[in-house]
Protein backbone atom coordinates (compact mmCIF):
# COMPACT_ATOMS: atom_id res chain seq x y z
CA MET A 1 126.99 101.47 114.31
CA ALA A 2 125.07 104.69 113.52
CA ASP A 3 122.20 103.94 111.49
CA LYS A 4 122.31 104.95 107.74
CA LYS A 5 120.09 107.89 106.19
CA ILE A 6 120.24 109.93 103.39
CA SER A 7 119.71 113.97 103.03
CA LEU A 8 116.83 115.79 102.03
CA GLU A 9 118.85 117.14 99.00
CA GLU A 10 120.30 113.60 98.05
CA ALA A 11 116.43 112.55 98.27
CA LEU A 12 115.35 115.29 96.23
CA THR A 13 117.95 114.68 93.67
CA GLN A 14 117.26 110.90 93.39
CA ALA A 15 113.19 111.38 92.65
CA ALA A 16 114.04 114.06 89.70
CA GLY A 17 115.59 111.16 88.20
CA GLY A 18 119.56 111.29 89.82
CA PRO A 19 121.49 108.50 90.48
CA ALA A 20 120.77 106.81 93.71
CA PRO A 21 122.82 108.48 96.87
CA GLU A 22 125.27 106.63 98.61
CA PRO A 23 124.33 106.52 102.36
CA GLN A 24 126.21 107.80 104.79
CA GLU A 25 126.72 107.48 108.84
CA ALA A 26 124.16 109.96 110.47
CA PRO A 27 126.65 112.62 112.80
CA GLU A 28 125.01 114.07 115.57
CA ALA A 29 124.62 117.69 114.47
CA PRO A 30 121.57 119.74 114.04
CA GLU A 31 119.16 118.36 111.49
CA GLU A 32 117.90 119.54 108.81
CA GLU A 33 114.72 121.28 109.05
CA VAL A 34 111.45 121.14 106.08
CA VAL A 35 110.49 124.62 105.85
CA ALA A 36 106.56 124.21 104.45
CA ALA A 37 105.18 127.17 102.00
CA PRO A 38 103.61 130.16 104.62
CA VAL A 39 99.83 128.84 104.98
CA GLU A 40 97.70 132.09 103.24
CA GLY A 41 97.23 134.80 105.64
CA THR A 42 99.70 134.00 107.80
CA GLU A 43 102.30 136.86 105.95
CA PRO A 44 104.57 138.52 108.45
CA GLU A 45 103.02 142.09 109.52
CA GLU A 46 104.95 145.21 109.09
CA ALA A 47 106.75 147.23 111.53
CA GLU A 48 104.55 149.77 112.99
CA GLU A 49 105.31 153.42 113.04
CA ALA A 50 107.04 154.30 116.53
CA PRO A 51 105.33 157.87 117.54
CA VAL A 52 107.58 160.20 118.65
CA GLU A 53 106.97 163.40 120.18
CA SER A 54 108.05 166.71 118.72
CA GLU A 55 108.06 170.23 120.62
CA GLY A 56 106.38 173.05 118.63
CA SER A 57 105.50 176.71 118.95
CA THR A 58 101.97 175.81 119.16
CA GLY A 59 102.55 173.10 121.75
CA LYS A 60 103.64 169.85 121.42
CA THR A 61 102.19 168.08 118.66
CA VAL A 62 102.79 163.82 117.72
CA GLU A 63 104.76 162.66 114.47
CA THR A 64 105.58 159.47 113.57
CA LYS A 65 108.68 158.10 112.89
CA PRO A 66 109.57 154.71 110.65
CA ALA A 67 110.90 152.05 112.80
CA LYS A 68 114.56 151.16 111.66
CA PRO A 69 114.71 147.97 109.65
CA ALA A 70 116.17 145.46 110.90
CA GLU A 71 119.55 145.61 108.76
CA GLU A 72 120.18 148.66 110.39
CA SER A 73 119.41 147.83 114.03
CA GLU A 74 122.03 146.12 116.09
CA LYS A 75 122.66 142.35 115.31
CA LYS A 76 122.65 140.01 117.94
CA PRO A 77 124.91 137.03 117.57
CA ASN A 78 123.86 133.60 116.68
CA PRO A 79 125.15 130.67 117.90
CA MET A 80 123.09 128.22 116.35
CA LYS A 81 122.95 129.37 112.99
CA GLU A 82 126.78 129.78 113.16
CA VAL A 83 126.88 126.15 114.24
CA ARG A 84 124.56 125.04 111.25
CA GLU A 85 126.73 127.15 108.79
CA LYS A 86 129.50 125.70 110.29
CA TYR A 87 127.97 122.05 110.06
CA THR A 88 126.69 122.69 106.68
CA THR A 89 130.18 123.74 105.54
CA GLU A 90 131.57 120.46 106.58
CA LYS A 91 129.14 118.19 105.50
CA GLN A 92 129.52 119.65 102.18
CA MET A 93 133.11 119.18 102.24
CA ARG A 94 132.97 115.44 104.30
CA GLU A 95 130.65 114.29 101.66
CA LYS A 96 132.99 115.62 98.37
CA ILE A 97 135.61 114.26 99.90
CA GLU A 98 134.14 110.85 100.72
CA GLY A 99 132.57 110.74 97.35
CA ALA A 100 135.59 111.06 95.41
CA ILE A 101 137.30 108.34 97.55
CA THR A 102 134.33 106.17 96.71
CA ARG A 103 134.38 107.06 93.29
CA PHE A 104 138.07 106.60 92.28
CA THR A 105 137.76 102.98 94.54
CA ASN A 106 135.46 101.70 93.10
CA GLY A 107 136.51 102.67 89.00
CA ASP A 108 139.45 101.64 87.54
CA TYR A 109 141.39 104.84 86.37
CA GLY A 110 144.70 105.76 84.92
CA PHE A 111 145.75 107.73 87.38
CA LYS A 112 146.63 107.90 91.18
CA ILE A 113 145.51 109.99 93.86
CA LYS A 114 149.18 111.12 94.57
CA ASP A 115 149.18 112.22 91.01
CA PHE A 116 146.85 115.42 92.61
CA ASN A 117 148.44 116.31 95.50
CA VAL A 118 149.85 119.88 95.74
CA ASP A 119 151.05 120.93 98.92
CA GLY A 120 150.57 118.16 101.05
CA LYS A 121 146.66 118.17 100.44
CA VAL A 122 144.97 116.21 97.72
CA ASP A 123 143.29 118.63 95.18
CA TYR A 124 140.03 116.82 95.35
CA ASP A 125 138.22 119.39 92.85
CA ALA A 126 140.81 118.59 89.96
CA LEU A 127 140.68 114.35 90.83
CA THR A 128 136.99 115.04 90.43
CA LYS A 129 137.20 116.91 87.03
CA ALA A 130 139.80 113.73 85.60
CA MET A 131 137.21 111.24 86.81
CA ASP A 132 134.41 112.93 85.04
CA GLU A 133 136.57 112.86 81.66
CA ALA A 134 137.94 109.46 82.19
CA ASP A 135 133.92 108.18 82.45
CA THR A 136 132.55 110.49 79.72
CA LYS A 137 135.26 109.08 77.24
CA VAL A 138 134.54 105.51 78.44
CA LYS A 139 130.60 105.93 77.36
CA ALA A 140 131.63 107.86 74.40
CA GLU A 141 133.75 104.54 72.94
CA SER A 142 130.71 102.18 74.52
CA ARG A 143 128.26 103.69 72.27
CA GLY A 144 130.44 105.26 69.38
CA ILE A 145 130.16 108.47 69.16
CA THR A 146 133.11 111.45 70.38
CA PRO A 147 133.75 112.87 73.92
CA GLU A 148 132.43 116.01 73.23
CA VAL A 149 129.25 114.34 72.04
CA GLN A 150 128.85 112.30 75.58
CA ALA A 151 129.54 115.52 77.54
CA GLU A 152 126.65 117.23 76.21
CA ILE A 153 124.82 114.21 76.51
CA ASP A 154 125.39 114.96 80.32
CA ARG A 155 124.95 117.78 80.81
CA ILE A 156 121.79 118.05 78.63
CA GLU A 157 120.30 115.08 81.76
CA LYS A 158 122.20 117.34 84.30
CA GLU A 159 119.97 120.41 83.50
CA LYS A 160 116.88 118.19 82.63
CA ILE A 161 117.23 116.91 86.85
CA GLU A 162 117.96 119.96 87.80
CA LEU A 163 114.43 121.40 86.35
CA ASN A 164 112.60 118.35 87.79
CA LYS A 165 114.18 118.78 91.59
CA GLN A 166 112.82 122.29 90.88
CA ARG A 167 109.12 121.92 89.96
CA LEU A 168 109.48 118.95 93.00
CA GLN A 169 110.27 121.00 95.03
CA VAL A 170 107.19 123.63 93.93
CA SER A 171 104.87 120.67 94.49
CA MET A 172 105.82 119.59 97.52
CA ASP A 173 105.98 123.47 98.98
CA ARG A 174 101.70 123.09 97.76
CA ALA A 175 101.34 119.37 99.72
CA LEU A 176 103.24 120.30 102.43
CA THR A 177 100.22 123.16 103.21
CA ASN A 178 98.03 121.21 102.54
CA LEU A 179 98.88 118.45 104.79
CA GLN A 180 99.61 121.06 107.29
CA LEU A 181 95.87 122.64 106.85
CA ASN A 182 94.50 119.41 106.35
CA MET A 183 96.20 117.29 109.36
CA ASN A 184 96.28 120.76 111.69
CA LEU A 185 100.06 119.85 112.19
CA LYS A 186 102.71 121.96 113.19
CA GLY A 187 106.41 122.35 111.82
CA GLY A 188 108.16 120.50 114.33
CA GLU A 189 105.93 117.25 113.53
CA ILE A 190 106.82 118.05 109.43
CA ASN A 191 110.46 117.55 110.27
CA ASN A 192 109.38 114.80 112.09
CA PHE A 193 107.44 112.87 109.32
CA PHE A 194 109.99 113.28 106.64
CA LYS A 195 112.79 111.99 109.36
CA ASP A 196 110.09 109.15 110.28
CA ALA A 197 109.61 108.33 106.30
CA MET A 198 112.89 108.05 105.51
CA SER A 199 113.90 105.67 108.16
CA GLN A 200 110.81 103.45 106.84
CA LYS A 201 112.37 103.60 103.24
CA LYS A 202 109.92 105.97 102.06
CA ASN A 203 111.06 108.96 99.97
CA PRO A 204 108.12 112.01 100.14
CA TYR A 205 109.46 113.39 97.46
CA GLN A 206 109.69 110.11 95.56
CA TRP A 207 106.18 109.49 96.92
CA LEU A 208 104.95 112.76 95.05
CA ALA A 209 107.10 112.57 91.93
CA GLN A 210 105.23 109.09 91.47
CA GLY A 211 101.77 110.86 91.42
CA GLY A 212 100.74 110.02 95.36
CA ASP A 213 98.95 112.20 97.89
CA LEU A 214 101.18 113.50 100.75
CA GLN A 215 98.29 113.07 103.33
CA ASP A 216 98.46 109.26 102.44
CA LEU A 217 101.98 108.79 102.88
CA TYR A 218 101.32 110.89 106.36
CA ILE A 219 98.81 108.00 107.32
CA LEU A 220 100.79 104.94 106.50
CA VAL A 221 103.93 106.29 108.05
CA TYR A 222 102.42 107.04 111.35
CA ARG A 223 99.06 104.13 110.67
CA ASP A 224 99.51 102.03 114.47
CA GLN A 225 99.75 105.48 115.95
CA LEU A 226 96.48 107.22 114.11
CA LEU A 227 94.67 103.75 114.58
CA LYS A 228 95.45 103.74 118.68
CA ARG A 229 94.09 107.44 118.62
CA GLU A 230 90.79 106.73 116.70
CA ILE A 231 89.84 103.82 119.35
CA ASP A 232 90.92 105.91 121.92
CA ASN A 233 88.59 108.82 120.58
CA ALA A 234 85.78 106.18 120.06
CA VAL A 235 86.49 104.79 123.87
CA GLU A 236 86.46 108.10 124.74
CA GLN A 237 82.88 108.94 123.26
CA ALA A 238 81.47 106.08 123.88
CA LYS A 239 82.52 106.47 127.58
CA VAL A 240 80.53 109.88 127.86
CA LYS A 241 77.39 108.88 126.11
CA PHE A 242 76.92 105.79 128.73
CA GLN A 243 77.62 108.52 131.57
CA GLU A 244 75.04 111.26 130.10
CA GLU A 245 72.65 108.38 129.77
CA SER A 246 73.23 106.99 132.90
CA THR A 247 72.59 110.66 134.67
CA ARG A 248 69.72 111.22 132.80
CA GLN A 249 68.14 107.82 133.97
CA ALA A 250 69.00 108.74 137.75
CA LYS A 251 67.13 112.16 137.24
CA VAL A 252 63.91 109.86 136.92
CA PRO A 253 61.62 109.76 139.96
CA ALA A 254 60.68 106.98 141.81
CA ALA A 255 57.93 105.63 143.08
CA ASN A 256 56.90 106.40 146.75
CA PRO A 257 56.20 102.80 148.85
CA ALA A 258 54.35 105.37 151.33
CA LYS A 259 52.00 107.01 148.80
CA PRO A 260 49.17 104.64 148.45
CA SER A 261 48.56 103.67 145.24
CA GLN A 262 45.12 105.13 143.50
CA PRO A 263 41.85 102.41 143.79
CA LYS A 264 41.36 100.69 140.48
CA THR A 265 38.14 101.74 138.93
CA THR A 266 35.47 99.24 138.78
CA ASN A 267 32.89 98.63 135.67
CA THR A 268 29.88 100.91 136.74
CA THR A 269 27.86 99.06 133.85
CA GLY A 270 26.35 96.13 135.95
CA PRO A 271 24.37 95.90 139.09
CA SER A 272 25.58 97.19 142.25
CA LEU A 273 26.14 94.98 145.67
CA GLN A 274 22.89 96.36 146.66
CA ASP A 275 20.82 95.57 144.05
CA LEU A 276 22.31 92.35 144.15
CA LEU A 277 21.42 91.64 148.17
CA ALA A 278 17.78 92.98 147.33
CA GLN A 279 17.07 90.86 144.94
CA ALA A 280 18.07 87.78 146.84
CA ALA A 281 16.33 89.27 149.94
CA LYS A 282 13.11 89.15 147.62
CA LYS A 283 13.42 85.47 146.98
């Protein structure tokens, strides 16, 4: 069976205080990309004006003609973009259908799915609306309030979740920019970080919402790899230092055995050998 996972949107909703999503089987399709805010100083450059020669009465002059905007240029087909858009649309439709069926199965409603059959197809929007109204009525009765008041409470809570999502996304963009600068990461490595963190049941949005540092989460997720890299770097530095020391010692000149050593100096403060012989001859 394929691994269970949730989308980035579901992870963001959960971190913002929304309900925990129902994990879906991971389909073999293009993965969602995490786009960090552009690093300051890397804004795209404006298109330069292309020089065009025009011949006048006094000879040739050079004029500048603005380059054609991208909208006016011939649009080239982008198969990958079409695949992504198709996948996103189908994924949203599948999630809506699966969510409605799961919700209906787990709930207790006084109607059936076939009641929403229109022209041989189930109107899942109408089914979801009917379940919303039924759930609102049940919650209102349990709290002793009217369904209208309960519906207003649900609306306010939903708006609060959306506002939290927007604030959290802004914080995430800022945190991703700092993470890229501090850890010298590329876009693909950011995407892998999110995927690996979610596979370890660590929601980056939840981590950030609870006041955590995204760089700390990155170090936690890749602890073994970073530790191995640190050890390898330490071993490499020690190896280089050892080689430099060996090279330095090899350059020290060794003593030449063929060259006689310097005669040792004797103590000149006492009597010489000739003086001793002369004194012995007098005795």
